[in-house]
C-alpha atoms as a PDB file:
ATOM      1  CA  MET A   1      15.077  47.343   2.126  1.00  0.00           C
ATOM      2  CA  GLY A   2      15.636  45.086   5.143  1.00  0.00           C
ATOM      3  CA  GLU A   3      13.445  42.184   6.213  1.00  0.00           C
ATOM      4  CA  THR A   4      10.115  42.966   7.841  1.00  0.00           C
ATOM      5  CA  GLN A   5      10.214  43.291  11.638  1.00  0.00           C
ATOM      6  CA  TRP A   6       7.146  41.735  13.251  1.00  0.00           C
ATOM      7  CA  GLY A   7       6.302  42.307  16.850  1.00  0.00           C
ATOM      8  CA  ALA A   8       5.541  39.471  19.220  1.00  0.00           C
ATOM      9  CA  THR A   9       1.961  40.631  19.716  1.00  0.00           C
ATOM     10  CA  THR A  10       1.301  40.608  15.951  1.00  0.00           C
ATOM     11  CA  LEU A  11       2.613  37.056  15.583  1.00  0.00           C
ATOM     12  CA  GLU A  12       0.683  35.807  18.578  1.00  0.00           C
ATOM     13  CA  ARG A  13      -2.568  37.191  17.199  1.00  0.00           C
ATOM     14  CA  LEU A  14      -1.955  35.686  13.768  1.00  0.00           C
ATOM     15  CA  LEU A  15      -1.038  32.275  15.201  1.00  0.00           C
ATOM     16  CA  ALA A  16      -3.958  32.242  17.609  1.00  0.00           C
ATOM     17  CA  ALA A  17      -6.340  32.566  14.649  1.00  0.00           C
ATOM     18  CA  ALA A  18      -4.549  29.962  12.482  1.00  0.00           C
ATOM     19  CA  PRO A  19      -6.800  27.016  11.489  1.00  0.00           C
ATOM     20  CA  LEU A  20      -3.844  24.614  11.629  1.00  0.00           C
ATOM     21  CA  ALA A  21      -1.387  23.877  14.402  1.00  0.00           C
ATOM     22  CA  SER A  22       1.346  26.473  13.806  1.00  0.00           C
ATOM     23  CA  LEU A  23       4.839  27.015  15.160  1.00  0.00           C
ATOM     24  CA  VAL A  24       7.465  29.688  14.657  1.00  0.00           C
ATOM     25  CA  VAL A  25      11.061  28.545  15.141  1.00  0.00           C
ATOM     26  CA  ASP A  26      14.153  30.730  15.394  1.00  0.00           C
ATOM     27  CA  ARG A  27      17.569  30.047  13.910  1.00  0.00           C
ATOM     28  CA  SER A  28      18.743  28.242  17.051  1.00  0.00           C
ATOM     29  CA  GLY A  29      15.881  25.752  16.798  1.00  0.00           C
ATOM     30  CA  LEU A  30      13.761  27.078  19.666  1.00  0.00           C
ATOM     31  CA  ILE A  31      10.000  27.521  19.354  1.00  0.00           C
ATOM     32  CA  ARG A  32       9.276  31.226  19.729  1.00  0.00           C
ATOM     33  CA  PHE A  33       5.528  31.180  19.126  1.00  0.00           C
ATOM     34  CA  ALA A  34       2.833  28.504  18.943  1.00  0.00           C
ATOM     35  CA  GLY A  35      -0.753  28.950  17.922  1.00  0.00           C
ATOM     36  CA  GLY A  36      -3.831  27.445  16.383  1.00  0.00           C
ATOM     37  CA  PRO A  37      -4.654  23.978  17.726  1.00  0.00           C
ATOM     38  CA  SER A  38      -0.945  23.190  18.280  1.00  0.00           C
ATOM     39  CA  ALA A  39      -1.336  22.828  22.049  1.00  0.00           C
ATOM     40  CA  GLY A  40      -4.144  20.290  21.585  1.00  0.00           C
ATOM     41  CA  LEU A  41      -2.375  18.397  18.803  1.00  0.00           C
ATOM     42  CA  LEU A  42       0.908  18.149  20.709  1.00  0.00           C
ATOM     43  CA  GLY A  43      -0.631  17.822  24.177  1.00  0.00           C
ATOM     44  CA  TYR A  44       1.201  20.781  25.744  1.00  0.00           C
ATOM     45  CA  PRO A  45      -0.505  23.203  28.132  1.00  0.00           C
ATOM     46  CA  SER A  46      -1.077  26.644  26.634  1.00  0.00           C
ATOM     47  CA  GLY A  47       2.119  28.685  26.558  1.00  0.00           C
ATOM     48  CA  VAL A  48       4.449  25.835  27.536  1.00  0.00           C
ATOM     49  CA  LEU A  49       5.721  25.291  23.974  1.00  0.00           C
ATOM     50  CA  THR A  50       7.424  28.689  23.930  1.00  0.00           C
ATOM     51  CA  GLY A  51      11.175  28.213  24.380  1.00  0.00           C
ATOM     52  CA  VAL A  52      11.012  24.442  23.821  1.00  0.00           C
ATOM     53  CA  PRO A  53      13.509  23.000  21.249  1.00  0.00           C
ATOM     54  CA  VAL A  54      11.609  22.091  18.110  1.00  0.00           C
ATOM     55  CA  THR A  55      13.404  18.713  18.038  1.00  0.00           C
ATOM     56  CA  ARG A  56      11.404  17.755  21.127  1.00  0.00           C
ATOM     57  CA  VAL A  57       8.196  17.759  19.072  1.00  0.00           C
ATOM     58  CA  LEU A  58       9.714  17.106  15.607  1.00  0.00           C
ATOM     59  CA  PRO A  59      12.650  14.703  16.166  1.00  0.00           C
ATOM     60  CA  GLN A  60      13.627  14.709  12.467  1.00  0.00           C
ATOM     61  CA  TRP A  61      14.286  18.459  12.483  1.00  0.00           C
ATOM     62  CA  SER A  62      17.965  19.355  12.183  1.00  0.00           C
ATOM     63  CA  GLU A  63      19.625  22.726  12.644  1.00  0.00           C
ATOM     64  CA  GLY A  64      19.274  24.817   9.524  1.00  0.00           C
ATOM     65  CA  ARG A  65      17.607  21.932   7.668  1.00  0.00           C
ATOM     66  CA  PRO A  66      13.901  21.824   8.476  1.00  0.00           C
ATOM     67  CA  VAL A  67      12.224  18.568   7.484  1.00  0.00           C
ATOM     68  CA  THR A  68       8.939  18.874   5.631  1.00  0.00           C
ATOM     69  CA  GLY A  69       6.369  16.347   4.466  1.00  0.00           C
ATOM     70  CA  ARG A  70       4.897  13.450   6.406  1.00  0.00           C
ATOM     71  CA  GLN A  71       6.614  12.566   9.670  1.00  0.00           C
ATOM     72  CA  LEU A  72       5.898  11.634  13.273  1.00  0.00           C
ATOM     73  CA  ALA A  73       5.539  14.408  15.832  1.00  0.00           C
ATOM     74  CA  ARG A  74       6.102  13.640  19.507  1.00  0.00           C
ATOM     75  CA  ARG A  75       3.406  14.723  21.936  1.00  0.00           C
ATOM     76  CA  HIS A  76       4.036  15.941  25.471  1.00  0.00           C
ATOM     77  CA  ASP A  77       3.065  12.490  26.796  1.00  0.00           C
ATOM     78  CA  GLY A  78       5.595  10.764  24.500  1.00  0.00           C
ATOM     79  CA  VAL A  79       3.008   9.380  22.079  1.00  0.00           C
ATOM     80  CA  SER A  80       3.801   9.840  18.367  1.00  0.00           C
ATOM     81  CA  VAL A  81       1.239  11.373  16.034  1.00  0.00           C
ATOM     82  CA  PRO A  82       1.515  11.452  12.215  1.00  0.00           C
ATOM     83  CA  VAL A  83       1.574  14.973  10.792  1.00  0.00           C
ATOM     84  CA  GLU A  84       2.213  16.760   7.510  1.00  0.00           C
ATOM     85  CA  VAL A  85       4.755  19.581   7.999  1.00  0.00           C
ATOM     86  CA  THR A  86       4.525  22.595   5.686  1.00  0.00           C
ATOM     87  CA  LEU A  87       6.972  25.507   5.773  1.00  0.00           C
ATOM     88  CA  VAL A  88       5.674  29.079   5.756  1.00  0.00           C
ATOM     89  CA  ASP A  89       7.828  31.956   4.509  1.00  0.00           C
ATOM     90  CA  LEU A  90       7.406  34.643   7.161  1.00  0.00           C
ATOM     91  CA  GLY A  91       9.930  37.074   5.733  1.00  0.00           C
ATOM     92  CA  ALA A  92      10.593  38.292   9.253  1.00  0.00           C
ATOM     93  CA  ASP A  93      13.210  38.346  12.004  1.00  0.00           C
ATOM     94  CA  ASP A  94      12.711  37.466  15.657  1.00  0.00           C
ATOM     95  CA  PRO A  95      11.950  40.694  17.570  1.00  0.00           C
ATOM     96  CA  SER A  96      14.360  39.498  20.267  1.00  0.00           C
ATOM     97  CA  GLY A  97      17.219  39.495  17.752  1.00  0.00           C
ATOM     98  CA  ALA A  98      17.576  35.690  17.543  1.00  0.00           C
ATOM     99  CA  GLY A  99      17.704  35.814  13.727  1.00  0.00           C
ATOM    100  CA  ALA A 100      15.397  34.721  10.909  1.00  0.00           C
ATOM    101  CA  LEU A 101      12.183  32.957  11.832  1.00  0.00           C
ATOM    102  CA  THR A 102      10.730  29.835  10.228  1.00  0.00           C
ATOM    103  CA  GLY A 103       7.000  29.202  10.226  1.00  0.00           C
ATOM    104  CA  LEU A 104       5.459  25.716  10.279  1.00  0.00           C
ATOM    105  CA  HIS A 105       1.971  24.363   9.786  1.00  0.00           C
ATOM    106  CA  LEU A 106       1.250  20.899  11.225  1.00  0.00           C
ATOM    107  CA  THR A 107      -1.651  18.967   9.737  1.00  0.00           C
ATOM    108  CA  ASP A 108      -2.923  16.058  11.829  1.00  0.00           C
ATOM    109  CA  LEU A 109      -2.917  12.894   9.680  1.00  0.00           C
ATOM    110  CA  SER A 110      -4.210  10.490  12.334  1.00  0.00           C
ATOM    111  CA  GLY A 111      -7.562   9.988  10.606  1.00  0.00           C
ATOM    112  CA  GLN A 112      -5.961   9.602   7.192  1.00  0.00           C
ATOM    113  CA  VAL A 113      -3.429   7.053   8.460  1.00  0.00           C
ATOM    114  CA  LEU A 114      -6.215   5.079  10.165  1.00  0.00           C
ATOM    115  CA  LEU A 115      -8.207   5.049   6.911  1.00  0.00           C
ATOM    116  CA  GLU A 116      -5.119   3.943   4.956  1.00  0.00           C
ATOM    117  CA  GLN A 117      -4.565   1.102   7.427  1.00  0.00           C
ATOM    118  CA  GLU A 118      -8.187   0.003   7.109  1.00  0.00           C
ATOM    119  CA  ASN A 119      -7.848   0.036   3.316  1.00  0.00           C
ATOM    120  CA  ASP A 120      -4.640  -2.008   3.550  1.00  0.00           C
ATOM    121  CA  ASP A 121      -6.360  -4.534   5.814  1.00  0.00           C
ATOM    122  CA  LEU A 122      -9.304  -4.862   3.418  1.00  0.00           C
ATOM    123  CA  ARG A 123      -6.955  -5.253   0.466  1.00  0.00           C
ATOM    124  CA  ASP A 124      -4.906  -7.892   2.287  1.00  0.00           C
ATOM    125  CA  GLU A 125      -8.048  -9.800   3.203  1.00  0.00           C
ATOM    126  CA  LEU A 126      -9.290  -9.674  -0.399  1.00  0.00           C
ATOM    127  CA  VAL A 127      -5.931 -10.738  -1.835  1.00  0.00           C
ATOM    128  CA  GLY A 128      -5.658 -13.521   0.729  1.00  0.00           C
ATOM    129  CA  ASN A 129      -9.133 -14.872   0.001  1.00  0.00           C
ATOM    130  CA  ILE A 130      -8.652 -14.761  -3.768  1.00  0.00           C
ATOM    131  CA  SER A 131      -5.222 -16.373  -3.499  1.00  0.00           C
ATOM    132  CA  HIS A 132      -6.562 -19.227  -1.373  1.00  0.00           C
ATOM    133  CA  GLU A 133      -9.405 -19.780  -3.838  1.00  0.00           C
ATOM    134  CA  LEU A 134      -6.966 -19.835  -6.769  1.00  0.00           C
ATOM    135  CA  ARG A 135      -4.397 -22.071  -5.116  1.00  0.00           C
ATOM    136  CA  THR A 136      -6.653 -25.110  -4.716  1.00  0.00           C
ATOM    137  CA  PRO A 137      -7.638 -25.524  -8.391  1.00  0.00           C
ATOM    138  CA  LEU A 138      -4.130 -24.640  -9.604  1.00  0.00           C
ATOM    139  CA  THR A 139      -2.621 -27.293  -7.358  1.00  0.00           C
ATOM    140  CA  SER A 140      -5.081 -29.800  -8.796  1.00  0.00           C
ATOM    141  CA  VAL A 141      -4.225 -28.777 -12.381  1.00  0.00           C
ATOM    142  CA  VAL A 142      -0.490 -29.158 -11.749  1.00  0.00           C
ATOM    143  CA  GLY A 143      -1.046 -32.554 -10.124  1.00  0.00           C
ATOM    144  CA  TYR A 144      -3.044 -33.932 -13.050  1.00  0.00           C
ATOM    145  CA  LEU A 145      -0.502 -32.544 -15.528  1.00  0.00           C
ATOM    146  CA  GLU A 146       2.245 -34.430 -13.699  1.00  0.00           C
ATOM    147  CA  LEU A 147       0.194 -37.625 -13.961  1.00  0.00           C
ATOM    148  CA  ALA A 148      -0.419 -37.027 -17.677  1.00  0.00           C
ATOM    149  CA  LEU A 149       3.288 -36.484 -18.356  1.00  0.00           C
ATOM    150  CA  GLU A 150       4.080 -39.803 -16.652  1.00  0.00           C
ATOM    151  CA  LEU A 151       2.118 -41.667 -19.344  1.00  0.00           C
ATOM    152  CA  GLY A 152       4.148 -43.815 -21.696  1.00  0.00           C
ATOM    153  CA  ASP A 153       4.933 -42.943 -25.307  1.00  0.00           C
ATOM    154  CA  ASP A 154       2.251 -45.379 -26.468  1.00  0.00           C
ATOM    155  CA  GLN A 155      -0.383 -43.278 -24.634  1.00  0.00           C
ATOM    156  CA  LEU A 156       1.018 -39.770 -25.202  1.00  0.00           C
ATOM    157  CA  GLY A 157       2.536 -38.613 -28.481  1.00  0.00           C
ATOM    158  CA  PRO A 158       5.632 -36.353 -28.645  1.00  0.00           C
ATOM    159  CA  GLU A 159       3.701 -33.257 -29.765  1.00  0.00           C
ATOM    160  CA  ALA A 160       1.049 -33.712 -27.066  1.00  0.00           C
ATOM    161  CA  ARG A 161       3.822 -34.182 -24.470  1.00  0.00           C
ATOM    162  CA  ARG A 162       5.534 -30.975 -25.612  1.00  0.00           C
ATOM    163  CA  LEU A 163       2.296 -29.007 -25.332  1.00  0.00           C
ATOM    164  CA  LEU A 164       1.508 -30.446 -21.897  1.00  0.00           C
ATOM    165  CA  GLU A 165       4.997 -29.500 -20.691  1.00  0.00           C
ATOM    166  CA  ILE A 166       4.338 -25.902 -21.766  1.00  0.00           C
ATOM    167  CA  VAL A 167       0.995 -25.941 -19.926  1.00  0.00           C
ATOM    168  CA  GLU A 168       2.662 -27.395 -16.827  1.00  0.00           C
ATOM    169  CA  ARG A 169       5.400 -24.716 -16.799  1.00  0.00           C
ATOM    170  CA  ASN A 170       2.836 -21.934 -17.022  1.00  0.00           C
ATOM    171  CA  ALA A 171       0.570 -23.540 -14.417  1.00  0.00           C
ATOM    172  CA  ARG A 172       3.529 -23.775 -12.032  1.00  0.00           C
ATOM    173  CA  ARG A 173       4.359 -20.148 -12.771  1.00  0.00           C
ATOM    174  CA  GLU A 174       0.816 -19.097 -11.839  1.00  0.00           C
ATOM    175  CA  LEU A 175       0.987 -21.247  -8.712  1.00  0.00           C
ATOM    176  CA  ARG A 176       4.203 -19.484  -7.682  1.00  0.00           C
ATOM    177  CA  LEU A 177       2.492 -16.143  -8.249  1.00  0.00           C
ATOM    178  CA  VAL A 178      -0.369 -17.183  -5.970  1.00  0.00           C
ATOM    179  CA  ASP A 179       2.164 -18.306  -3.359  1.00  0.00           C
ATOM    180  CA  ASP A 180       3.877 -14.912  -3.656  1.00  0.00           C
ATOM    181  CA  LEU A 181       0.576 -13.126  -3.081  1.00  0.00           C
ATOM    182  CA  LEU A 182      -0.019 -15.248  -0.002  1.00  0.00           C
ATOM    183  CA  THR A 183       3.514 -14.607   1.224  1.00  0.00           C
ATOM    184  CA  VAL A 184       3.277 -10.849   0.781  1.00  0.00           C
ATOM    185  CA  THR A 185      -0.145 -10.768   2.440  1.00  0.00           C
ATOM    186  CA  PHE A 186       0.637 -13.065   5.356  1.00  0.00           C
ATOM    187  CA  GLU A 187       4.435 -12.893   5.230  1.00  0.00           C
ATOM    188  CA  VAL A 188       5.006 -13.260   8.981  1.00  0.00           C
ATOM    189  CA  GLU A 189       2.836 -16.371   9.204  1.00  0.00           C
ATOM    190  CA  GLN A 190       4.202 -17.831   5.954  1.00  0.00           C
ATOM    191  CA  LEU A 191       7.886 -17.249   6.667  1.00  0.00           C
ATOM    192  CA  SER A 192       7.666 -18.375  10.295  1.00  0.00           C
ATOM    193  CA  ARG A 193       7.145 -21.913   8.980  1.00  0.00           C
ATOM    194  CA  MET A 194      10.324 -21.783   6.912  1.00  0.00           C
ATOM    195  CA  ARG A 195      12.678 -24.752   6.975  1.00  0.00           C
ATOM    196  CA  ARG A 196      16.194 -24.102   8.289  1.00  0.00           C
ATOM    197  CA  GLU A 197      18.713 -26.338   6.555  1.00  0.00           C
ATOM    198  CA  PRO A 198      22.242 -25.873   5.165  1.00  0.00           C
ATOM    199  CA  VAL A 199      21.900 -24.403   1.662  1.00  0.00           C
ATOM    200  CA  ASP A 200      24.780 -23.684  -0.725  1.00  0.00           C
ATOM    201  CA  LEU A 201      23.799 -20.413  -2.351  1.00  0.00           C
ATOM    202  CA  GLY A 202      26.198 -21.074  -5.227  1.00  0.00           C
ATOM    203  CA  GLU A 203      24.281 -24.232  -6.104  1.00  0.00           C
ATOM    204  CA  VAL A 204      20.977 -22.342  -5.871  1.00  0.00           C
ATOM    205  CA  ALA A 205      22.346 -19.694  -8.248  1.00  0.00           C
ATOM    206  CA  ALA A 206      23.537 -22.285 -10.759  1.00  0.00           C
ATOM    207  CA  ARG A 207      20.171 -24.060 -10.702  1.00  0.00           C
ATOM    208  CA  VAL A 208      18.046 -20.919 -11.065  1.00  0.00           C
ATOM    209  CA  VAL A 209      20.242 -19.444 -13.809  1.00  0.00           C
ATOM    210  CA  GLY A 210      20.096 -22.755 -15.683  1.00  0.00           C
ATOM    211  CA  GLU A 211      16.299 -22.734 -15.515  1.00  0.00           C
ATOM    212  CA  HIS A 212      16.198 -19.153 -16.835  1.00  0.00           C
ATOM    213  CA  GLN A 213      18.504 -19.712 -19.798  1.00  0.00           C
ATOM    214  CA  PRO A 214      15.658 -20.357 -22.334  1.00  0.00           C
ATOM    215  CA  PHE A 215      13.888 -17.160 -21.239  1.00  0.00           C
ATOM    216  CA  ALA A 216      17.134 -15.172 -21.378  1.00  0.00           C
ATOM    217  CA  HIS A 217      18.187 -16.495 -24.784  1.00  0.00           C
ATOM    218  CA  GLY A 218      14.729 -15.733 -26.145  1.00  0.00           C
ATOM    219  CA  GLY A 219      15.303 -12.101 -25.167  1.00  0.00           C
ATOM    220  CA  GLY A 220      18.796 -12.022 -26.644  1.00  0.00           C
ATOM    221  CA  LEU A 221      20.470 -11.858 -23.224  1.00  0.00           C
ATOM    222  CA  GLU A 222      23.582 -13.480 -21.823  1.00  0.00           C
ATOM    223  CA  VAL A 223      23.084 -14.750 -18.276  1.00  0.00           C
ATOM    224  CA  THR A 224      25.968 -16.179 -16.256  1.00  0.00           C
ATOM    225  CA  ALA A 225      26.424 -17.550 -12.745  1.00  0.00           C
ATOM    226  CA  ARG A 226      29.672 -17.717 -10.792  1.00  0.00           C
ATOM    227  CA  ALA A 227      30.465 -18.843  -7.252  1.00  0.00           C
ATOM    228  CA  ASP A 228      33.797 -18.642  -5.435  1.00  0.00           C
ATOM    229  CA  GLY A 229      33.707 -21.975  -3.645  1.00  0.00           C
ATOM    230  CA  PRO A 230      31.152 -23.155  -1.062  1.00  0.00           C
ATOM    231  CA  ALA A 231      28.784 -20.459   0.218  1.00  0.00           C
ATOM    232  CA  VAL A 232      26.543 -22.171   2.753  1.00  0.00           C
ATOM    233  CA  VAL A 233      23.758 -20.440   4.678  1.00  0.00           C
ATOM    234  CA  ARG A 234      21.025 -21.823   6.902  1.00  0.00           C
ATOM    235  CA  GLY A 235      17.594 -21.404   5.413  1.00  0.00           C
ATOM    236  CA  ASP A 236      14.907 -22.592   3.048  1.00  0.00           C
ATOM    237  CA  ASP A 237      16.281 -23.735  -0.316  1.00  0.00           C
ATOM    238  CA  GLY A 238      12.951 -23.223  -2.094  1.00  0.00           C
ATOM    239  CA  ARG A 239      12.363 -19.707  -0.790  1.00  0.00           C
ATOM    240  CA  LEU A 240      15.939 -18.592  -1.440  1.00  0.00           C
ATOM    241  CA  GLY A 241      15.566 -19.944  -4.968  1.00  0.00           C
ATOM    242  CA  ARG A 242      12.313 -18.016  -5.375  1.00  0.00           C
ATOM    243  CA  ALA A 243      13.988 -14.795  -4.215  1.00  0.00           C
ATOM    244  CA  LEU A 244      16.712 -15.241  -6.829  1.00  0.00           C
ATOM    245  CA  GLU A 245      14.088 -16.084  -9.469  1.00  0.00           C
ATOM    246  CA  HIS A 246      12.404 -12.739  -8.870  1.00  0.00           C
ATOM    247  CA  LEU A 247      15.692 -10.838  -9.018  1.00  0.00           C
ATOM    248  CA  LEU A 248      16.775 -12.648 -12.181  1.00  0.00           C
ATOM    249  CA  THR A 249      13.395 -12.224 -13.875  1.00  0.00           C
ATOM    250  CA  ASN A 250      13.418  -8.490 -13.145  1.00  0.00           C
ATOM    251  CA  ALA A 251      16.972  -8.141 -14.456  1.00  0.00           C
ATOM    252  CA  CYS A 252      16.022  -9.899 -17.704  1.00  0.00           C
ATOM    253  CA  LYS A 253      12.775  -7.966 -18.142  1.00  0.00           C
ATOM    254  CA  PHE A 254      14.514  -4.610 -18.031  1.00  0.00           C
ATOM    255  CA  SER A 255      17.621  -5.459 -20.062  1.00  0.00           C
ATOM    256  CA  PRO A 256      17.521  -4.806 -23.819  1.00  0.00           C
ATOM    257  CA  PRO A 257      18.593  -7.485 -26.350  1.00  0.00           C
ATOM    258  CA  GLY A 258      22.342  -7.930 -26.313  1.00  0.00           C
ATOM    259  CA  GLY A 259      22.517  -7.134 -22.608  1.00  0.00           C
ATOM    260  CA  GLN A 260      24.155  -9.123 -19.840  1.00  0.00           C
ATOM    261  CA  VAL A 261      22.989 -10.353 -16.457  1.00  0.00           C
ATOM    262  CA  ARG A 262      25.602 -11.624 -13.984  1.00  0.00           C
ATOM    263  CA  VAL A 263      24.869 -13.607 -10.843  1.00  0.00           C
ATOM    264  CA  ASP A 264      27.845 -13.806  -8.453  1.00  0.00           C
ATOM    265  CA  VAL A 265      28.055 -15.590  -5.112  1.00  0.00           C
ATOM    266  CA  THR A 266      30.935 -14.733  -2.795  1.00  0.00           C
ATOM    267  CA  ALA A 267      31.634 -15.545   0.838  1.00  0.00           C
ATOM    268  CA  ASP A 268      33.867 -14.428   3.661  1.00  0.00           C
ATOM    269  CA  GLU A 269      34.084 -15.757   7.196  1.00  0.00           C
ATOM    270  CA  ALA A 270      30.787 -14.221   8.299  1.00  0.00           C
ATOM    271  CA  THR A 271      28.715 -13.370   5.219  1.00  0.00           C
ATOM    272  CA  VAL A 272      27.536 -14.839   1.945  1.00  0.00           C
ATOM    273  CA  THR A 273      26.786 -12.202  -0.700  1.00  0.00           C
ATOM    274  CA  LEU A 274      24.560 -12.801  -3.708  1.00  0.00           C
ATOM    275  CA  THR A 275      24.907 -10.150  -6.428  1.00  0.00           C
ATOM    276  CA  VAL A 276      22.621  -9.796  -9.446  1.00  0.00           C
ATOM    277  CA  ALA A 277      23.885  -7.155 -11.894  1.00  0.00           C
ATOM    278  CA  ASP A 278      22.333  -6.214 -15.222  1.00  0.00           C
ATOM    279  CA  THR A 279      22.999  -3.773 -18.060  1.00  0.00           C
ATOM    280  CA  GLY A 280      19.367  -2.683 -18.279  1.00  0.00           C
ATOM    281  CA  ILE A 281      17.506   0.608 -18.221  1.00  0.00           C
ATOM    282  CA  GLY A 282      18.257   1.339 -14.552  1.00  0.00           C
ATOM    283  CA  LEU A 283      16.191   3.146 -11.938  1.00  0.00           C
ATOM    284  CA  SER A 284      15.755   6.719 -10.795  1.00  0.00           C
ATOM    285  CA  ARG A 285      16.294   7.709  -7.162  1.00  0.00           C
ATOM    286  CA  ALA A 286      12.539   7.985  -6.609  1.00  0.00           C
ATOM    287  CA  GLU A 287      11.974   4.496  -8.033  1.00  0.00           C
ATOM    288  CA  ARG A 288      14.737   2.996  -5.868  1.00  0.00           C
ATOM    289  CA  ASP A 289      13.171   4.477  -2.743  1.00  0.00           C
ATOM    290  CA  ARG A 290       9.867   2.667  -3.424  1.00  0.00           C
ATOM    291  CA  LEU A 291      11.228  -0.489  -5.017  1.00  0.00           C
ATOM    292  CA  PHE A 292      10.254  -2.867  -2.205  1.00  0.00           C
ATOM    293  CA  GLU A 293       6.776  -1.493  -1.515  1.00  0.00           C
ATOM    294  CA  ARG A 294       3.909  -3.919  -1.936  1.00  0.00           C
ATOM    295  CA  PHE A 295       2.176  -3.679  -5.326  1.00  0.00           C
ATOM    296  CA  TYR A 296       4.474  -0.837  -6.441  1.00  0.00           C
ATOM    297  CA  ARG A 297       5.261  -0.738 -10.147  1.00  0.00           C
ATOM    298  CA  ALA A 298       7.722   1.832 -11.477  1.00  0.00           C
ATOM    299  CA  PRO A 299       6.398   4.258 -14.121  1.00  0.00           C
ATOM    300  CA  GLY A 300       8.938   2.872 -16.611  1.00  0.00           C
ATOM    301  CA  THR A 301       7.451  -0.587 -16.111  1.00  0.00           C
ATOM    302  CA  MET A 302       3.963   0.491 -17.075  1.00  0.00           C
ATOM    303  CA  ALA A 303       5.188   2.705 -19.918  1.00  0.00           C
ATOM    304  CA  ARG A 304       6.929  -0.310 -21.477  1.00  0.00           C
ATOM    305  CA  ASN A 305       3.946  -2.624 -20.858  1.00  0.00           C
ATOM    306  CA  VAL A 306       6.129  -4.975 -18.795  1.00  0.00           C
ATOM    307  CA  GLU A 307       4.055  -7.688 -17.142  1.00  0.00           C
ATOM    308  CA  GLY A 308       4.038  -7.929 -13.365  1.00  0.00           C
ATOM    309  CA  THR A 309       2.013  -7.459 -10.195  1.00  0.00           C
ATOM    310  CA  GLY A 310       4.450  -5.437  -8.098  1.00  0.00           C
ATOM    311  CA  VAL A 311       4.833  -8.134  -5.418  1.00  0.00           C
ATOM    312  CA  GLY A 312       8.058  -9.828  -6.528  1.00  0.00           C
ATOM    313  CA  LEU A 313      10.609  -7.544  -4.895  1.00  0.00           C
ATOM    314  CA  CYS A 314       8.470  -7.212  -1.781  1.00  0.00           C
ATOM    315  CA  VAL A 315       8.584 -11.012  -1.501  1.00  0.00           C
ATOM    316  CA  VAL A 316      12.364 -10.942  -2.034  1.00  0.00           C
ATOM    317  CA  LYS A 317      12.813  -8.458   0.818  1.00  0.00           C
ATOM    318  CA  ALA A 318      10.570 -10.507   3.118  1.00  0.00           C
ATOM    319  CA  ILE A 319      12.497 -13.723   2.365  1.00  0.00           C
ATOM    320  CA  VAL A 320      15.880 -12.030   2.837  1.00  0.00           C
ATOM    321  CA  GLU A 321      14.876 -10.473   6.154  1.00  0.00           C
ATOM    322  CA  ALA A 322      13.402 -13.796   7.330  1.00  0.00           C
ATOM    323  CA  HIS A 323      16.923 -15.212   6.813  1.00  0.00           C
ATOM    324  CA  ALA A 324      18.391 -12.367   8.933  1.00  0.00           C
ATOM    325  CA  GLY A 325      19.870 -10.835   5.786  1.00  0.00           C
ATOM    326  CA  THR A 326      19.974  -7.429   4.131  1.00  0.00           C
ATOM    327  CA  ILE A 327      19.292  -6.254   0.584  1.00  0.00           C
ATOM    328  CA  ALA A 328      20.688  -3.170  -1.168  1.00  0.00           C
ATOM    329  CA  VAL A 329      20.156  -1.700  -4.631  1.00  0.00           C
ATOM    330  CA  ASP A 330      22.592   0.387  -6.662  1.00  0.00           C
ATOM    331  CA  SER A 331      21.188   1.796  -9.900  1.00  0.00           C
ATOM    332  CA  GLU A 332      21.232   4.762 -12.261  1.00  0.00           C
ATOM    333  CA  VAL A 333      19.006   5.481 -15.227  1.00  0.00           C
ATOM    334  CA  GLY A 334      20.629   4.043 -18.347  1.00  0.00           C
ATOM    335  CA  ARG A 335      23.440   2.351 -16.386  1.00  0.00           C
ATOM    336  CA  GLY A 336      21.815  -0.852 -15.203  1.00  0.00           C
ATOM    337  CA  THR A 337      20.990  -2.139 -11.747  1.00  0.00           C
ATOM    338  CA  THR A 338      22.934  -4.123  -9.164  1.00  0.00           C
ATOM    339  CA  VAL A 339      21.168  -5.872  -6.269  1.00  0.00           C
ATOM    340  CA  ARG A 340      23.217  -7.260  -3.373  1.00  0.00           C
ATOM    341  CA  VAL A 341      21.808  -9.711  -0.857  1.00  0.00           C
ATOM    342  CA  ALA A 342      23.928 -10.416   2.221  1.00  0.00           C
ATOM    343  CA  LEU A 343      23.120 -13.443   4.411  1.00  0.00           C
ATOM    344  CA  PRO A 344      24.852 -14.838   7.520  1.00  0.00           C
ATOM    345  CA  ARG A 345      27.179 -17.678   6.626  1.00  0.00           C
ATOM    346  CA  ALA A 346      26.388 -21.000   8.258  1.00  0.00           C
ATOM    347  CA  ARG A 347      28.902 -22.095  10.869  1.00  0.00           C
END
């Protein structure tokens, strides 16, 4: 039995009564019918959409490969509107003989996107206020710990000094976390005040890896750093070091005992490349796609009770982009993860 043949009048009546903006597209990508509130949503006068290429209203559409899900539709006046695109199986051919027809429903997401933005703004404001309130006492704690550790041996015993050093390390760690929250919340303002000085990324790698050796050895990991000669960029030494700290900490967290983490710094005439490669659990495609979202934590992270706030890699991306660099991730489940950061080499 062949496919159902629907007449134009039947389709027009069905589409006119549709509660959602609806389009019918032929194999060549032309809109054959439009109904429901599609004219109002897309800003076209009634009847004008017929014969218009669907790519004019849905730029992501490609021939034979309709794009579904959330995307931006283009109105008649050129303004973009967020919509959810759902395919409808019509099981019918175009009465004019133009081939199989594809049905689409367009759901207007403008209100939802506005609500999401308001929620993001409220969250950012809350995180910013809390972070500011936490930073002041933490800074004071770190300052007094520094003063205490400067006391002589006659005033501070070896065991007390060891314990205070542990407290200081953890206080500094919490202070860095607060700074990360502030950076991810107000990243444009924070990173605009970045210092721009010559920084040898190989030296940064050696320093950060050296600081992480106790943590790595405690987890039964081998961590190495290698640099092929000078690799100088212009930027903020502290922030570049923080970006590498996050990458190295993540690599160690998700590598089982006996694993390896390699940090390599290479340079050519134009680019300095920092590579952090581990032999850990790896990432799925879906996890890679969301890796740099704010507050995102992969399901594997929560399943393994790995500590974290989901801001580290977002901060890394912000720091890299503030240095006019790029960041790429290559990973497969069970095969480890490799992160490559490319920065312009200083002239």
